[in-house]
């Protein structure tokens, strides 16, 4: 028995998870455009925040949306669909940046070595970032490598918690805290250098 087609108002109110079920299990392929319309802009903005180039971000967004739509059957519904989309977007962009800049050295040994990082250490980056003006933050961000930028964007632009960041990166929570600490320390150093050069 064919599922009853959804009206415009029903499409507007249906959850992402239910939409995926209808597409994958109900065979309603025509509903894929709804997923596209809901997420293309969000994916584009995430791509541009990571790669800083509008044209590249547009290409990446197209590739990512195709990947998402062709892999809907792999979404198990155990987490929010938006988180699944976010993970694919982040990982796809990072793979692209790694291929583009092979000189970036992948951090090693940070998945198990930092179990004793104090929680208050990770909160210090809050103060550092609050002290930065927007124009200064943009200049300093340009000095960070893609991994450093990504962690800060996840934490502050996307308001992801340590646990969520750990899931996306597939590393331990303590490793996330250490990466945030390292990046906060690097920002602090860059701030000092910039202040010194301004004097």
N, C-alpha and C. Protein backbone atom coordinates (compact mmCIF):
# COMPACT_ATOMS: atom_id res chain seq x y z
N UNK A 1 0.85 -1.20 0.00
CA UNK A 1 0.00 0.00 0.00
C UNK A 1 0.88 1.25 0.00
N UNK A 2 0.59 2.15 -0.95
CA UNK A 2 1.39 3.37 -1.08
C UNK A 2 1.08 4.32 0.08
N UNK A 3 2.13 4.98 0.67
CA UNK A 3 1.86 5.95 1.73
C UNK A 3 1.11 7.16 1.19
N UNK A 4 0.28 7.76 2.05
CA UNK A 4 -0.49 8.94 1.64
C UNK A 4 0.48 10.11 1.51
N UNK A 5 0.49 10.80 0.35
CA UNK A 5 1.39 11.94 0.17
C UNK A 5 1.14 13.01 1.22
N UNK A 6 2.21 13.67 1.63
CA UNK A 6 2.11 14.73 2.64
C UNK A 6 1.74 16.05 1.99
N UNK A 7 0.89 16.83 2.68
CA UNK A 7 0.57 18.18 2.23
C UNK A 7 1.69 19.13 2.64
N UNK A 8 1.64 20.38 2.11
CA UNK A 8 2.70 21.36 2.40
C UNK A 8 2.86 21.61 3.90
N UNK A 9 1.74 21.74 4.59
CA UNK A 9 1.79 22.03 6.03
C UNK A 9 2.36 20.83 6.80
N UNK A 10 1.99 19.62 6.37
CA UNK A 10 2.50 18.41 7.02
C UNK A 10 4.01 18.28 6.81
N UNK A 11 4.47 18.60 5.58
CA UNK A 11 5.90 18.55 5.28
C UNK A 11 6.65 19.52 6.17
N UNK A 12 6.06 20.70 6.35
CA UNK A 12 6.70 21.74 7.18
C UNK A 12 6.88 21.26 8.62
N UNK A 13 5.92 20.50 9.11
CA UNK A 13 5.92 20.10 10.53
C UNK A 13 6.52 18.72 10.81
N UNK A 14 6.79 17.94 9.77
CA UNK A 14 7.31 16.58 10.00
C UNK A 14 8.76 16.65 10.49
N UNK A 15 9.11 15.79 11.43
CA UNK A 15 10.48 15.80 11.96
C UNK A 15 11.44 15.20 10.93
N UNK A 16 12.71 15.55 11.07
CA UNK A 16 13.73 15.01 10.17
C UNK A 16 13.74 13.48 10.21
N UNK A 17 13.68 12.93 11.42
CA UNK A 17 13.73 11.47 11.57
C UNK A 17 12.56 10.78 10.86
N UNK A 18 11.35 11.35 11.00
CA UNK A 18 10.18 10.77 10.33
C UNK A 18 10.31 10.90 8.81
N UNK A 19 10.89 12.01 8.39
CA UNK A 19 11.11 12.25 6.96
C UNK A 19 12.03 11.18 6.38
N UNK A 20 13.10 10.88 7.11
CA UNK A 20 14.05 9.86 6.65
C UNK A 20 13.37 8.50 6.57
N UNK A 21 12.54 8.18 7.55
CA UNK A 21 11.82 6.90 7.54
C UNK A 21 10.93 6.80 6.30
N UNK A 22 10.24 7.88 5.98
CA UNK A 22 9.35 7.87 4.81
C UNK A 22 10.13 7.71 3.51
N UNK A 23 11.32 8.34 3.45
CA UNK A 23 12.14 8.25 2.24
C UNK A 23 12.74 6.85 2.10
N UNK A 24 13.34 6.35 3.20
CA UNK A 24 14.07 5.08 3.14
C UNK A 24 13.12 3.88 3.14
N UNK A 25 12.20 3.86 4.10
CA UNK A 25 11.32 2.69 4.23
C UNK A 25 10.06 2.80 3.37
N UNK A 26 9.58 4.03 3.21
CA UNK A 26 8.35 4.23 2.44
C UNK A 26 8.58 4.45 0.96
N UNK A 27 9.86 4.61 0.58
CA UNK A 27 10.19 4.79 -0.83
C UNK A 27 9.77 6.13 -1.42
N UNK A 28 9.52 7.12 -0.55
CA UNK A 28 9.08 8.44 -1.04
C UNK A 28 10.29 9.31 -1.39
N UNK A 29 10.96 8.95 -2.46
CA UNK A 29 12.19 9.63 -2.88
C UNK A 29 11.96 11.11 -3.17
N UNK A 30 10.73 11.47 -3.54
CA UNK A 30 10.43 12.86 -3.87
C UNK A 30 10.59 13.79 -2.65
N UNK A 31 10.64 13.20 -1.45
CA UNK A 31 10.79 14.01 -0.24
C UNK A 31 12.25 14.39 0.04
N UNK A 32 13.17 13.86 -0.78
CA UNK A 32 14.58 14.19 -0.58
C UNK A 32 14.82 15.70 -0.69
N UNK A 33 14.02 16.37 -1.52
CA UNK A 33 14.22 17.82 -1.69
C UNK A 33 13.95 18.57 -0.38
N UNK A 34 13.11 18.00 0.49
CA UNK A 34 12.82 18.64 1.78
C UNK A 34 14.07 18.63 2.65
N UNK A 35 14.76 17.48 2.68
CA UNK A 35 16.03 17.38 3.42
C UNK A 35 17.02 18.39 2.85
N UNK A 36 17.09 18.45 1.52
CA UNK A 36 18.02 19.38 0.86
C UNK A 36 17.70 20.82 1.27
N UNK A 37 16.42 21.19 1.18
CA UNK A 37 16.02 22.56 1.51
C UNK A 37 16.30 22.90 2.97
N UNK A 38 16.15 21.92 3.85
CA UNK A 38 16.37 22.18 5.28
C UNK A 38 17.85 22.34 5.62
N UNK A 39 18.70 21.63 4.90
CA UNK A 39 20.10 21.55 5.35
C UNK A 39 21.16 22.16 4.42
N UNK A 40 20.82 22.44 3.18
CA UNK A 40 21.85 22.94 2.25
C UNK A 40 22.52 24.22 2.76
N UNK A 41 21.72 25.18 3.22
CA UNK A 41 22.30 26.45 3.72
C UNK A 41 23.16 26.22 4.95
N UNK A 42 22.68 25.37 5.87
CA UNK A 42 23.44 25.11 7.10
C UNK A 42 24.78 24.46 6.77
N UNK A 43 24.74 23.50 5.85
CA UNK A 43 25.97 22.81 5.43
C UNK A 43 26.92 23.80 4.76
N UNK A 44 26.37 24.67 3.90
CA UNK A 44 27.19 25.67 3.22
C UNK A 44 27.90 26.58 4.23
N UNK A 45 27.15 27.07 5.21
CA UNK A 45 27.74 27.98 6.21
C UNK A 45 28.82 27.27 7.03
N UNK A 46 28.61 25.99 7.32
CA UNK A 46 29.63 25.24 8.05
C UNK A 46 30.87 25.07 7.17
N UNK A 47 30.67 24.78 5.89
CA UNK A 47 31.80 24.62 4.96
C UNK A 47 32.60 25.91 4.84
N UNK A 48 31.90 27.03 4.71
CA UNK A 48 32.60 28.30 4.53
C UNK A 48 33.33 28.71 5.81
N UNK A 49 32.79 28.34 6.96
CA UNK A 49 33.47 28.67 8.21
C UNK A 49 34.76 27.87 8.36
N UNK A 50 34.83 26.71 7.71
CA UNK A 50 36.03 25.88 7.81
C UNK A 50 37.03 26.14 6.68
N UNK A 51 36.53 26.39 5.47
CA UNK A 51 37.48 26.52 4.34
C UNK A 51 37.69 27.97 3.90
N UNK A 52 36.82 28.89 4.35
CA UNK A 52 37.00 30.33 4.11
C UNK A 52 36.96 30.73 2.64
N UNK A 53 36.42 29.91 1.78
CA UNK A 53 36.34 30.26 0.37
C UNK A 53 34.95 29.91 -0.14
N UNK A 54 34.24 30.92 -0.65
CA UNK A 54 32.83 30.75 -1.03
C UNK A 54 32.64 29.71 -2.12
N UNK A 55 33.47 29.78 -3.15
CA UNK A 55 33.34 28.86 -4.28
C UNK A 55 33.62 27.41 -3.85
N UNK A 56 34.68 27.23 -3.06
CA UNK A 56 35.02 25.89 -2.54
C UNK A 56 33.90 25.37 -1.64
N UNK A 57 33.38 26.27 -0.79
CA UNK A 57 32.31 25.89 0.14
C UNK A 57 31.07 25.43 -0.64
N UNK A 58 30.79 26.09 -1.75
CA UNK A 58 29.64 25.73 -2.59
C UNK A 58 29.82 24.31 -3.15
N UNK A 59 31.04 24.04 -3.64
CA UNK A 59 31.34 22.70 -4.18
C UNK A 59 31.24 21.63 -3.09
N UNK A 60 31.81 21.95 -1.93
CA UNK A 60 31.78 21.00 -0.81
C UNK A 60 30.35 20.73 -0.38
N UNK A 61 29.56 21.80 -0.29
CA UNK A 61 28.16 21.66 0.13
C UNK A 61 27.41 20.72 -0.82
N UNK A 62 27.62 20.91 -2.12
CA UNK A 62 26.95 20.05 -3.11
C UNK A 62 27.36 18.59 -2.90
N UNK A 63 28.66 18.34 -2.76
CA UNK A 63 29.16 16.97 -2.56
C UNK A 63 28.60 16.35 -1.28
N UNK A 64 28.58 17.16 -0.22
CA UNK A 64 28.10 16.67 1.09
C UNK A 64 26.61 16.35 1.03
N UNK A 65 25.83 17.22 0.39
CA UNK A 65 24.38 16.97 0.31
C UNK A 65 24.10 15.71 -0.51
N UNK A 66 24.87 15.49 -1.58
CA UNK A 66 24.71 14.26 -2.36
C UNK A 66 25.05 13.05 -1.48
N UNK A 67 26.14 13.16 -0.72
CA UNK A 67 26.56 12.08 0.19
C UNK A 67 25.47 11.78 1.22
N UNK A 68 24.90 12.85 1.79
CA UNK A 68 23.84 12.68 2.79
C UNK A 68 22.62 12.00 2.19
N UNK A 69 22.17 12.49 1.04
CA UNK A 69 20.95 11.96 0.42
C UNK A 69 21.11 10.54 -0.08
N UNK A 70 22.33 10.18 -0.51
CA UNK A 70 22.54 8.81 -1.00
C UNK A 70 22.84 7.83 0.14
N UNK A 71 23.05 8.38 1.34
CA UNK A 71 23.36 7.50 2.48
C UNK A 71 22.31 7.55 3.59
N UNK A 72 21.11 8.02 3.25
CA UNK A 72 20.06 8.14 4.27
C UNK A 72 19.77 6.82 4.97
N UNK A 73 19.92 5.71 4.24
CA UNK A 73 19.65 4.39 4.83
C UNK A 73 20.62 4.07 5.97
N UNK A 74 21.78 4.75 5.98
CA UNK A 74 22.77 4.50 7.04
C UNK A 74 22.45 5.26 8.33
N UNK A 75 21.51 6.22 8.25
CA UNK A 75 21.11 6.95 9.45
C UNK A 75 20.23 6.05 10.31
N UNK A 76 20.70 5.75 11.52
CA UNK A 76 20.00 4.76 12.36
C UNK A 76 18.96 5.38 13.29
N UNK A 77 18.94 6.72 13.36
CA UNK A 77 17.95 7.37 14.23
C UNK A 77 18.29 7.34 15.69
N UNK A 78 19.52 6.95 16.03
CA UNK A 78 19.91 6.89 17.45
C UNK A 78 20.35 8.26 17.97
N UNK A 79 20.59 9.21 17.06
CA UNK A 79 20.92 10.59 17.46
C UNK A 79 20.08 11.53 16.61
N UNK A 80 20.17 12.83 16.89
CA UNK A 80 19.45 13.79 16.06
C UNK A 80 19.99 13.72 14.63
N UNK A 81 19.11 13.87 13.68
CA UNK A 81 19.51 13.88 12.27
C UNK A 81 20.48 15.04 12.02
N UNK A 82 20.24 16.18 12.66
CA UNK A 82 21.10 17.36 12.47
C UNK A 82 22.53 17.06 12.93
N UNK A 83 22.67 16.26 13.98
CA UNK A 83 24.00 15.90 14.47
C UNK A 83 24.70 14.99 13.46
N UNK A 84 23.94 14.07 12.87
CA UNK A 84 24.48 13.18 11.83
C UNK A 84 24.96 13.99 10.63
N UNK A 85 24.16 14.96 10.20
CA UNK A 85 24.53 15.84 9.09
C UNK A 85 25.79 16.64 9.45
N UNK A 86 25.80 17.15 10.67
CA UNK A 86 26.95 17.93 11.14
C UNK A 86 28.23 17.09 11.10
N UNK A 87 28.15 15.86 11.57
CA UNK A 87 29.33 14.97 11.60
C UNK A 87 29.85 14.70 10.19
N UNK A 88 28.94 14.41 9.26
CA UNK A 88 29.35 14.17 7.87
C UNK A 88 30.01 15.42 7.30
N UNK A 89 29.39 16.58 7.54
CA UNK A 89 29.91 17.85 7.01
C UNK A 89 31.30 18.13 7.55
N UNK A 90 31.44 18.02 8.86
CA UNK A 90 32.74 18.31 9.49
C UNK A 90 33.81 17.36 8.95
N UNK A 91 33.52 16.07 8.95
CA UNK A 91 34.52 15.08 8.52
C UNK A 91 34.88 15.23 7.04
N UNK A 92 33.89 15.54 6.23
CA UNK A 92 34.14 15.73 4.79
C UNK A 92 35.05 16.95 4.57
N UNK A 93 34.74 18.04 5.25
CA UNK A 93 35.56 19.27 5.13
C UNK A 93 36.98 19.03 5.62
N UNK A 94 37.12 18.32 6.74
CA UNK A 94 38.46 18.08 7.28
C UNK A 94 39.25 17.17 6.35
N UNK A 95 38.60 16.18 5.74
CA UNK A 95 39.29 15.33 4.76
C UNK A 95 39.77 16.17 3.59
N UNK A 96 38.92 17.08 3.13
CA UNK A 96 39.28 17.96 2.02
C UNK A 96 40.49 18.82 2.39
N UNK A 97 40.46 19.41 3.59
CA UNK A 97 41.56 20.29 4.01
C UNK A 97 42.85 19.51 4.21
N UNK A 98 42.74 18.27 4.70
CA UNK A 98 43.94 17.45 4.87
C UNK A 98 44.58 17.14 3.52
N UNK A 99 43.74 16.82 2.53
CA UNK A 99 44.28 16.52 1.20
C UNK A 99 44.89 17.76 0.58
N UNK A 100 44.25 18.90 0.82
CA UNK A 100 44.72 20.16 0.23
C UNK A 100 46.03 20.61 0.87
N UNK A 101 46.14 20.41 2.16
CA UNK A 101 47.36 20.83 2.86
C UNK A 101 47.99 19.63 3.54
N UNK A 102 48.72 18.88 2.79
CA UNK A 102 49.32 17.66 3.34
C UNK A 102 50.39 17.96 4.38
N UNK A 103 50.81 19.20 4.46
CA UNK A 103 51.85 19.55 5.43
C UNK A 103 51.31 19.59 6.86
N UNK A 104 49.97 19.67 6.98
CA UNK A 104 49.40 19.71 8.33
C UNK A 104 49.68 18.38 9.01
N UNK A 105 50.36 18.44 10.12
CA UNK A 105 50.65 17.18 10.82
C UNK A 105 49.50 16.81 11.73
N UNK A 106 49.10 15.56 11.62
CA UNK A 106 48.01 15.08 12.45
C UNK A 106 48.52 14.90 13.87
N UNK A 107 47.76 15.43 14.83
CA UNK A 107 48.15 15.29 16.23
C UNK A 107 48.15 13.81 16.60
N UNK A 108 49.14 13.42 17.39
CA UNK A 108 49.19 12.01 17.80
C UNK A 108 49.23 11.91 19.32
N UNK A 109 48.79 10.77 19.80
CA UNK A 109 48.92 10.49 21.23
C UNK A 109 47.98 11.25 22.12
N UNK A 110 46.95 11.93 21.55
CA UNK A 110 46.09 12.71 22.43
C UNK A 110 44.78 12.00 22.76
N UNK A 111 44.65 10.74 22.38
CA UNK A 111 43.37 10.08 22.63
C UNK A 111 43.30 9.42 24.00
N UNK A 112 44.45 9.20 24.64
CA UNK A 112 44.40 8.52 25.93
C UNK A 112 45.28 9.15 27.00
N UNK A 113 46.08 10.16 26.62
CA UNK A 113 47.11 10.63 27.55
C UNK A 113 46.69 11.74 28.51
N UNK A 114 45.44 12.21 28.42
CA UNK A 114 45.12 13.42 29.17
C UNK A 114 43.93 13.24 30.10
N UNK A 115 43.88 12.11 30.76
CA UNK A 115 42.75 11.84 31.63
C UNK A 115 42.70 12.77 32.83
N UNK A 116 43.84 13.39 33.19
CA UNK A 116 43.88 14.20 34.40
C UNK A 116 43.79 15.71 34.14
N UNK A 117 43.32 16.11 32.96
CA UNK A 117 43.20 17.55 32.67
C UNK A 117 42.11 18.14 33.57
N UNK A 118 42.45 19.16 34.37
CA UNK A 118 41.44 19.76 35.25
C UNK A 118 40.34 20.44 34.44
N UNK A 119 39.10 20.32 34.91
CA UNK A 119 37.97 20.90 34.19
C UNK A 119 38.11 22.42 34.11
N UNK A 120 38.65 23.06 35.16
CA UNK A 120 38.74 24.52 35.14
C UNK A 120 39.68 25.01 34.05
N UNK A 121 40.64 24.15 33.63
CA UNK A 121 41.55 24.53 32.54
C UNK A 121 40.76 24.84 31.28
N UNK A 122 39.77 23.99 31.02
CA UNK A 122 39.04 24.11 29.78
C UNK A 122 38.13 25.33 29.79
N UNK A 123 37.76 25.80 30.96
CA UNK A 123 36.89 26.97 31.05
C UNK A 123 37.66 28.28 30.83
N UNK A 124 38.99 28.22 30.95
CA UNK A 124 39.77 29.45 30.79
C UNK A 124 39.66 30.01 29.38
N UNK A 125 39.44 29.13 28.38
CA UNK A 125 39.38 29.65 27.02
C UNK A 125 38.20 30.60 26.85
N UNK A 126 37.17 30.42 27.69
CA UNK A 126 36.03 31.35 27.68
C UNK A 126 36.50 32.78 27.85
N UNK A 127 37.33 32.99 28.88
CA UNK A 127 37.79 34.34 29.19
C UNK A 127 38.64 34.90 28.07
N UNK A 128 39.51 34.04 27.51
CA UNK A 128 40.39 34.50 26.43
C UNK A 128 39.56 34.99 25.25
N UNK A 129 38.56 34.19 24.87
CA UNK A 129 37.76 34.55 23.70
C UNK A 129 36.89 35.77 23.96
N UNK A 130 36.41 35.92 25.19
CA UNK A 130 35.58 37.08 25.51
C UNK A 130 36.39 38.38 25.44
N UNK A 131 37.69 38.27 25.71
CA UNK A 131 38.54 39.46 25.68
C UNK A 131 38.83 39.94 24.25
N UNK A 132 38.63 39.06 23.29
CA UNK A 132 38.97 39.40 21.91
C UNK A 132 37.84 40.18 21.24
N UNK A 133 38.20 41.22 20.53
CA UNK A 133 37.23 41.91 19.68
C UNK A 133 37.02 41.05 18.44
N UNK A 134 35.90 41.23 17.75
CA UNK A 134 35.58 40.40 16.59
C UNK A 134 36.65 40.51 15.51
N UNK A 135 37.09 41.74 15.21
CA UNK A 135 38.09 41.91 14.16
C UNK A 135 39.41 41.24 14.53
N UNK A 136 39.76 41.32 15.82
CA UNK A 136 40.99 40.68 16.30
C UNK A 136 40.85 39.17 16.23
N UNK A 137 39.68 38.67 16.61
CA UNK A 137 39.44 37.22 16.59
C UNK A 137 39.58 36.67 15.17
N UNK A 138 39.04 37.41 14.19
CA UNK A 138 39.14 36.96 12.80
C UNK A 138 40.60 36.91 12.34
N UNK A 139 41.39 37.91 12.72
CA UNK A 139 42.82 37.92 12.35
C UNK A 139 43.55 36.75 12.99
N UNK A 140 43.28 36.52 14.26
CA UNK A 140 43.98 35.44 14.97
C UNK A 140 43.54 34.07 14.46
N UNK A 141 42.24 33.94 14.11
CA UNK A 141 41.75 32.67 13.59
C UNK A 141 42.49 32.27 12.32
N UNK A 142 42.87 33.28 11.53
CA UNK A 142 43.59 33.00 10.28
C UNK A 142 44.93 32.32 10.55
N UNK A 143 45.46 32.48 11.77
CA UNK A 143 46.75 31.90 12.14
C UNK A 143 46.62 30.45 12.63
N UNK A 144 45.40 30.04 12.93
CA UNK A 144 45.20 28.69 13.46
C UNK A 144 45.12 27.68 12.33
N UNK A 145 45.49 26.43 12.62
CA UNK A 145 45.33 25.40 11.59
C UNK A 145 43.88 24.91 11.57
N UNK A 146 43.47 24.21 10.52
CA UNK A 146 42.05 23.81 10.40
C UNK A 146 41.51 23.03 11.59
N UNK A 147 42.33 22.17 12.19
CA UNK A 147 41.85 21.40 13.35
C UNK A 147 41.57 22.31 14.54
N UNK A 148 42.45 23.28 14.76
CA UNK A 148 42.26 24.22 15.87
C UNK A 148 40.99 25.06 15.65
N UNK A 149 40.83 25.55 14.43
CA UNK A 149 39.65 26.36 14.09
C UNK A 149 38.38 25.55 14.32
N UNK A 150 38.40 24.32 13.81
CA UNK A 150 37.20 23.47 13.86
C UNK A 150 36.74 23.23 15.30
N UNK A 151 37.69 22.96 16.19
CA UNK A 151 37.33 22.70 17.59
C UNK A 151 36.69 23.94 18.22
N UNK A 152 37.28 25.12 17.95
CA UNK A 152 36.72 26.34 18.52
C UNK A 152 35.35 26.67 17.91
N UNK A 153 35.21 26.44 16.60
CA UNK A 153 33.92 26.72 15.96
C UNK A 153 32.83 25.80 16.49
N UNK A 154 33.18 24.52 16.69
CA UNK A 154 32.20 23.58 17.24
C UNK A 154 31.78 24.03 18.64
N UNK A 155 32.77 24.47 19.41
CA UNK A 155 32.50 24.82 20.80
C UNK A 155 31.70 26.12 20.92
N UNK A 156 32.09 27.14 20.14
CA UNK A 156 31.52 28.48 20.34
C UNK A 156 30.48 28.87 19.31
N UNK A 157 30.74 28.58 18.03
CA UNK A 157 29.76 28.95 17.01
C UNK A 157 28.56 28.02 17.07
N UNK A 158 28.83 26.72 17.26
CA UNK A 158 27.76 25.73 17.23
C UNK A 158 27.30 25.30 18.63
N UNK A 159 27.93 25.86 19.66
CA UNK A 159 27.57 25.55 21.05
C UNK A 159 27.55 24.06 21.36
N UNK A 160 28.51 23.32 20.80
CA UNK A 160 28.61 21.89 21.07
C UNK A 160 29.33 21.68 22.42
N UNK A 161 28.86 20.72 23.18
CA UNK A 161 29.53 20.36 24.42
C UNK A 161 30.72 19.46 24.15
N UNK A 162 31.54 19.26 25.16
CA UNK A 162 32.74 18.42 25.02
C UNK A 162 32.35 17.01 24.56
N UNK A 163 31.26 16.49 25.11
CA UNK A 163 30.82 15.13 24.76
C UNK A 163 30.47 15.02 23.28
N UNK A 164 29.74 16.03 22.76
CA UNK A 164 29.35 16.02 21.34
C UNK A 164 30.57 16.16 20.43
N UNK A 165 31.50 17.05 20.81
CA UNK A 165 32.71 17.24 20.01
C UNK A 165 33.50 15.93 19.97
N UNK A 166 33.58 15.25 21.11
CA UNK A 166 34.29 13.97 21.18
C UNK A 166 33.68 12.95 20.22
N UNK A 167 32.35 12.94 20.13
CA UNK A 167 31.66 12.01 19.21
C UNK A 167 32.01 12.32 17.76
N UNK A 168 31.96 13.61 17.40
CA UNK A 168 32.24 14.01 16.01
C UNK A 168 33.67 13.65 15.63
N UNK A 169 34.61 13.94 16.55
CA UNK A 169 36.03 13.71 16.25
C UNK A 169 36.46 12.27 16.50
N UNK A 170 35.59 11.50 17.16
CA UNK A 170 35.91 10.12 17.50
C UNK A 170 37.15 10.02 18.38
N UNK A 171 37.19 10.90 19.39
CA UNK A 171 38.28 10.88 20.37
C UNK A 171 37.66 10.97 21.76
N UNK A 172 38.48 10.83 22.80
CA UNK A 172 37.95 10.88 24.17
C UNK A 172 37.62 12.33 24.57
N UNK A 173 36.78 12.46 25.59
CA UNK A 173 36.42 13.79 26.09
C UNK A 173 37.64 14.52 26.62
N UNK A 174 38.55 13.79 27.27
CA UNK A 174 39.75 14.43 27.80
C UNK A 174 40.64 14.95 26.67
N UNK A 175 40.63 14.23 25.53
CA UNK A 175 41.41 14.69 24.37
C UNK A 175 40.81 15.98 23.82
N UNK A 176 39.47 16.07 23.82
CA UNK A 176 38.81 17.31 23.38
C UNK A 176 39.23 18.45 24.29
N UNK A 177 39.20 18.19 25.60
CA UNK A 177 39.60 19.24 26.56
C UNK A 177 41.03 19.69 26.32
N UNK A 178 41.91 18.73 26.02
CA UNK A 178 43.31 19.08 25.77
C UNK A 178 43.44 19.89 24.48
N UNK A 179 42.70 19.51 23.46
CA UNK A 179 42.76 20.28 22.20
C UNK A 179 42.27 21.71 22.43
N UNK A 180 41.19 21.84 23.18
CA UNK A 180 40.68 23.17 23.47
C UNK A 180 41.69 23.97 24.29
N UNK A 181 42.33 23.30 25.24
CA UNK A 181 43.34 23.99 26.05
C UNK A 181 44.50 24.45 25.18
N UNK A 182 44.99 23.55 24.32
CA UNK A 182 46.11 23.90 23.43
C UNK A 182 45.74 25.09 22.54
N UNK A 183 44.52 25.04 21.99
CA UNK A 183 44.10 26.10 21.08
C UNK A 183 43.93 27.41 21.83
N UNK A 184 43.38 27.33 23.04
CA UNK A 184 43.24 28.54 23.86
C UNK A 184 44.61 29.12 24.18
N UNK A 185 45.57 28.25 24.52
CA UNK A 185 46.94 28.72 24.80
C UNK A 185 47.56 29.36 23.56
N UNK A 186 47.29 28.75 22.40
CA UNK A 186 47.85 29.30 21.16
C UNK A 186 47.25 30.67 20.86
N UNK A 187 45.94 30.81 21.07
CA UNK A 187 45.30 32.11 20.88
C UNK A 187 45.89 33.16 21.82
N UNK A 188 46.11 32.74 23.06
CA UNK A 188 46.69 33.68 24.05
C UNK A 188 48.08 34.14 23.60
N UNK A 189 48.87 33.20 23.07
CA UNK A 189 50.21 33.54 22.56
C UNK A 189 50.12 34.50 21.38
N UNK A 190 49.19 34.22 20.47
CA UNK A 190 49.00 35.08 19.30
C UNK A 190 48.56 36.48 19.72
N UNK A 191 47.71 36.53 20.76
CA UNK A 191 47.27 37.83 21.28
C UNK A 191 48.44 38.63 21.80
N UNK A 192 49.30 37.93 22.58
CA UNK A 192 50.49 38.61 23.15
C UNK A 192 51.37 39.15 22.04
N UNK A 193 51.61 38.31 21.01
CA UNK A 193 52.45 38.72 19.89
C UNK A 193 51.88 39.94 19.19
N UNK A 194 50.56 39.90 18.98
CA UNK A 194 49.90 41.01 18.29
C UNK A 194 49.97 42.29 19.12
N UNK A 195 49.74 42.15 20.43
CA UNK A 195 49.81 43.32 21.32
C UNK A 195 51.22 43.90 21.34
N UNK A 196 52.23 43.00 21.35
CA UNK A 196 53.62 43.43 21.37
C UNK A 196 53.96 44.19 20.09
N UNK A 197 53.51 43.65 18.95
CA UNK A 197 53.82 44.28 17.66
C UNK A 197 53.13 45.62 17.52
N UNK A 198 51.98 45.79 18.21
CA UNK A 198 51.25 47.04 18.12
C UNK A 198 51.92 48.14 18.93
N UNK A 199 52.68 47.75 19.97
CA UNK A 199 53.33 48.74 20.85
C UNK A 199 54.45 49.49 20.14
